[in-house]
Protein backbone atom coordinates (compact mmCIF):
# COMPACT_ATOMS: atom_id res chain seq x y z
CA UNK A 1 45.57 2.72 -29.82
CA UNK A 2 43.07 0.73 -27.71
CA UNK A 3 42.84 3.56 -25.19
CA UNK A 4 41.85 5.99 -27.92
CA UNK A 5 39.08 3.75 -29.27
CA UNK A 6 37.17 3.39 -25.98
CA UNK A 7 36.48 7.15 -25.56
CA UNK A 8 35.40 7.33 -29.21
CA UNK A 9 32.94 4.46 -28.72
CA UNK A 10 31.54 6.07 -25.56
CA UNK A 11 31.15 9.41 -27.35
CA UNK A 12 29.36 7.72 -30.26
CA UNK A 13 26.98 5.96 -27.90
CA UNK A 14 26.23 9.23 -26.08
CA UNK A 15 25.49 11.03 -29.35
CA UNK A 16 23.26 8.20 -30.55
CA UNK A 17 21.07 8.71 -27.51
CA UNK A 18 20.63 12.44 -28.15
CA UNK A 19 17.54 13.79 -29.85
CA UNK A 20 14.88 16.41 -29.62
CA UNK A 21 13.18 14.62 -26.71
CA UNK A 22 9.77 15.25 -28.26
CA UNK A 23 7.19 12.61 -29.00
CA UNK A 24 7.17 11.50 -32.60
CA UNK A 25 3.59 10.25 -32.52
CA UNK A 26 2.13 13.26 -30.68
CA UNK A 27 0.07 10.98 -28.48
CA UNK A 28 -0.47 11.87 -24.82
CA UNK A 29 -1.74 8.35 -24.17
CA UNK A 30 1.51 6.82 -25.39
CA UNK A 31 3.45 8.99 -22.93
CA UNK A 32 1.16 7.98 -20.07
CA UNK A 33 1.55 4.28 -20.92
CA UNK A 34 5.33 4.64 -20.71
CA UNK A 35 5.18 5.91 -17.10
CA UNK A 36 5.03 2.40 -15.70
CA UNK A 37 4.54 0.04 -18.64
CA UNK A 38 5.32 -3.04 -16.52
CA UNK A 39 2.44 -2.41 -14.06
CA UNK A 40 -0.40 -4.65 -15.15
CA UNK A 41 -3.87 -5.35 -13.80
CA UNK A 42 -5.88 -3.48 -11.16
CA UNK A 43 -2.86 -1.54 -9.85
CA UNK A 44 -2.85 0.63 -12.97
CA UNK A 45 -5.94 2.51 -11.82
CA UNK A 46 -4.02 3.71 -8.74
CA UNK A 47 -1.02 5.13 -10.65
CA UNK A 48 -0.63 8.90 -10.47
CA UNK A 49 1.76 10.51 -12.96
CA UNK A 50 4.49 12.54 -11.28
CA UNK A 51 3.59 11.28 -7.78
CA UNK A 52 4.85 8.61 -5.42
CA UNK A 53 3.83 5.27 -6.92
CA UNK A 54 5.92 3.05 -4.64
CA UNK A 55 2.92 0.98 -3.54
CA UNK A 56 1.58 0.65 -7.08
CA UNK A 57 4.93 -0.62 -8.38
CA UNK A 58 5.79 -2.81 -5.36
CA UNK A 59 6.26 -6.53 -6.08
CA UNK A 60 3.60 -7.92 -8.39
CA UNK A 61 -0.19 -7.97 -8.59
CA UNK A 62 -1.74 -10.83 -6.62
CA UNK A 63 -3.95 -13.49 -8.10
CA UNK A 64 -7.69 -13.12 -7.76
CA UNK A 65 -7.81 -15.77 -5.00
CA UNK A 66 -5.04 -14.03 -2.99
CA UNK A 67 -6.85 -10.70 -3.41
CA UNK A 68 -10.11 -12.25 -2.22
CA UNK A 69 -8.44 -13.82 0.83
CA UNK A 70 -6.80 -10.53 1.82
CA UNK A 71 -10.04 -8.66 1.17
CA UNK A 72 -12.01 -10.84 3.59
CA UNK A 73 -9.49 -10.05 6.34
CA UNK A 74 -9.45 -6.32 5.58
CA UNK A 75 -13.24 -6.04 5.40
CA UNK A 76 -13.63 -7.81 8.78
CA UNK A 77 -10.88 -5.61 10.29
CA UNK A 78 -12.53 -2.40 9.02
CA UNK A 79 -15.94 -3.48 10.34
CA UNK A 80 -14.44 -4.25 13.77
CA UNK A 81 -12.69 -0.84 13.81
CA UNK A 82 -15.92 0.96 12.93
CA UNK A 83 -17.73 -0.77 15.81
CA UNK A 84 -14.77 -0.15 18.16
CA UNK A 85 -14.62 -3.90 18.72
CA UNK A 86 -10.90 -3.80 19.49
CA UNK A 87 -10.71 -7.47 20.55
CA UNK A 88 -12.12 -8.67 17.26
CA UNK A 89 -10.06 -6.16 15.29
CA UNK A 90 -6.84 -7.36 16.92
CA UNK A 91 -7.45 -10.86 15.52
CA UNK A 92 -6.82 -9.46 12.05
CA UNK A 93 -3.60 -7.65 12.99
CA UNK A 94 -0.08 -9.04 12.73
CA UNK A 95 1.56 -10.11 15.99
CA UNK A 96 4.03 -7.23 15.68
CA UNK A 97 1.20 -4.71 15.30
CA UNK A 98 -0.62 -6.19 18.30
CA UNK A 99 2.52 -5.75 20.45
CA UNK A 100 2.99 -2.23 19.09
CA UNK A 101 -0.56 -1.23 20.07
CA UNK A 102 -0.19 -2.66 23.58
CA UNK A 103 3.12 -0.79 24.05
CA UNK A 104 1.61 2.41 22.64
CA UNK A 105 -1.28 2.06 25.08
CA UNK A 106 1.23 1.72 27.92
CA UNK A 107 3.10 4.85 26.83
CA UNK A 108 -0.04 6.92 26.35
CA UNK A 109 -1.78 5.85 29.57
CA UNK A 110 1.35 5.69 31.75
CA UNK A 111 0.22 2.29 33.06
CA UNK A 112 0.97 -1.26 31.95
CA UNK A 113 -1.28 -2.39 29.10
CA UNK A 114 -1.05 -6.10 28.36
CA UNK A 115 -3.41 -6.61 25.44
CA UNK A 116 -3.74 -5.32 21.92
CA UNK A 117 -7.44 -4.52 22.46
CA UNK A 118 -6.82 -2.29 25.49
CA UNK A 119 -3.87 -0.63 23.79
CA UNK A 120 -5.84 0.02 20.61
CA UNK A 121 -8.72 1.53 22.60
CA UNK A 122 -6.29 3.94 24.28
CA UNK A 123 -4.59 4.85 21.00
CA UNK A 124 -7.95 5.36 19.25
CA UNK A 125 -9.19 7.62 22.06
CA UNK A 126 -6.14 9.87 21.55
CA UNK A 127 -6.91 10.45 17.88
CA UNK A 128 -8.62 13.87 17.57
CA UNK A 129 -10.39 12.92 14.33
CA UNK A 130 -11.04 9.19 14.43
CA UNK A 131 -11.06 7.82 10.86
CA UNK A 132 -12.99 4.71 11.84
CA UNK A 133 -15.86 4.89 9.39
CA UNK A 134 -16.19 1.83 7.16
CA UNK A 135 -15.41 3.40 3.80
CA UNK A 136 -15.31 0.15 1.81
CA UNK A 137 -18.14 -0.54 -0.58
CA UNK A 138 -16.89 -3.95 -1.68
CA UNK A 139 -13.70 -5.96 -1.88
CA UNK A 140 -10.24 -4.47 -2.34
CA UNK A 141 -9.37 -3.53 -5.91
CA UNK A 142 -5.68 -4.40 -5.93
CA UNK A 143 -3.12 -6.32 -3.88
CA UNK A 144 0.55 -5.72 -4.60
CA UNK A 145 2.62 -8.59 -3.20
CA UNK A 146 6.24 -9.12 -2.33
CA UNK A 147 7.65 -12.21 -0.60
CA UNK A 148 5.88 -11.75 2.73
CA UNK A 149 4.44 -8.24 2.65
CA UNK A 150 1.87 -6.56 0.48
CA UNK A 151 -0.30 -3.51 -0.02
CA UNK A 152 -4.04 -3.72 -0.55
CA UNK A 153 -5.65 -0.81 -2.37
CA UNK A 154 -9.28 0.15 -2.69
CA UNK A 155 -11.45 3.02 -3.88
CA UNK A 156 -13.38 4.19 -0.83
CA UNK A 157 -17.04 5.12 -0.87
CA UNK A 158 -15.81 8.54 0.34
CA UNK A 159 -14.25 9.31 -3.07
CA UNK A 160 -10.70 8.67 -1.83
CA UNK A 161 -8.25 5.88 -2.53
CA UNK A 162 -6.88 3.88 0.42
CA UNK A 163 -3.92 1.59 1.11
CA UNK A 164 -3.78 -1.14 3.76
CA UNK A 165 -0.36 -2.71 4.43
CA UNK A 166 -0.61 -6.47 4.99
CA UNK A 167 1.69 -9.42 5.59
CA UNK A 168 1.55 -13.20 5.47
CA UNK A 169 1.74 -14.63 8.97
CA UNK A 170 1.21 -18.32 9.73
CA UNK A 171 -0.27 -18.78 6.26
CA UNK A 172 -2.89 -16.03 6.59
CA UNK A 173 -3.09 -12.36 5.65
CA UNK A 174 -2.76 -9.95 8.58
CA UNK A 175 -3.07 -6.16 8.63
CA UNK A 176 0.02 -4.27 9.83
CA UNK A 177 -1.52 -0.87 10.71
CA UNK A 178 -4.32 0.27 12.98
CA UNK A 179 -5.84 2.53 10.30
CA UNK A 180 -5.99 2.52 6.48
CA UNK A 181 -3.65 5.01 4.82
CA UNK A 182 -5.11 7.61 2.48
CA UNK A 183 -3.62 7.58 -1.03
CA UNK A 184 -2.97 11.21 -1.79
CA UNK A 185 -3.19 12.31 -5.41
């Protein structure tokens, strides 16, 4: 008898969930709000319906003070990149990214490269279209944070949206890439 009741309960639950699938209020806005209703704050302006929103839904939105601290690092890093001041730019990179750039410089130049700055210069010279223009017109707009890692997002003065991966290292924000990543829509 018990075995017969369980399938009946499951069938009833399945039927209760069935419906026309249409919106009862006819509101497009209501449907858009349901895409990611738990995303609050500045990250919402970077959501794109039907697209990859992994960054926008990662972790939680940072506090204003965390966002400002990360923004200062990112702005200084972008300014150093634009001026090709690789030594200064490396100060804002994570240790892992600094090692990666030195190793990449070694691979590309076929000679031992010991510093982040020299490695970054070699890597940057290999890029056929260097995206080193400072496209920030103010602080970052959003910082999605996990335990140690995060993603800064900003609207560039070039009309595009950009993502900069960051991490906490020795109590400070550090950038984990040599270039910002374009947010495709």
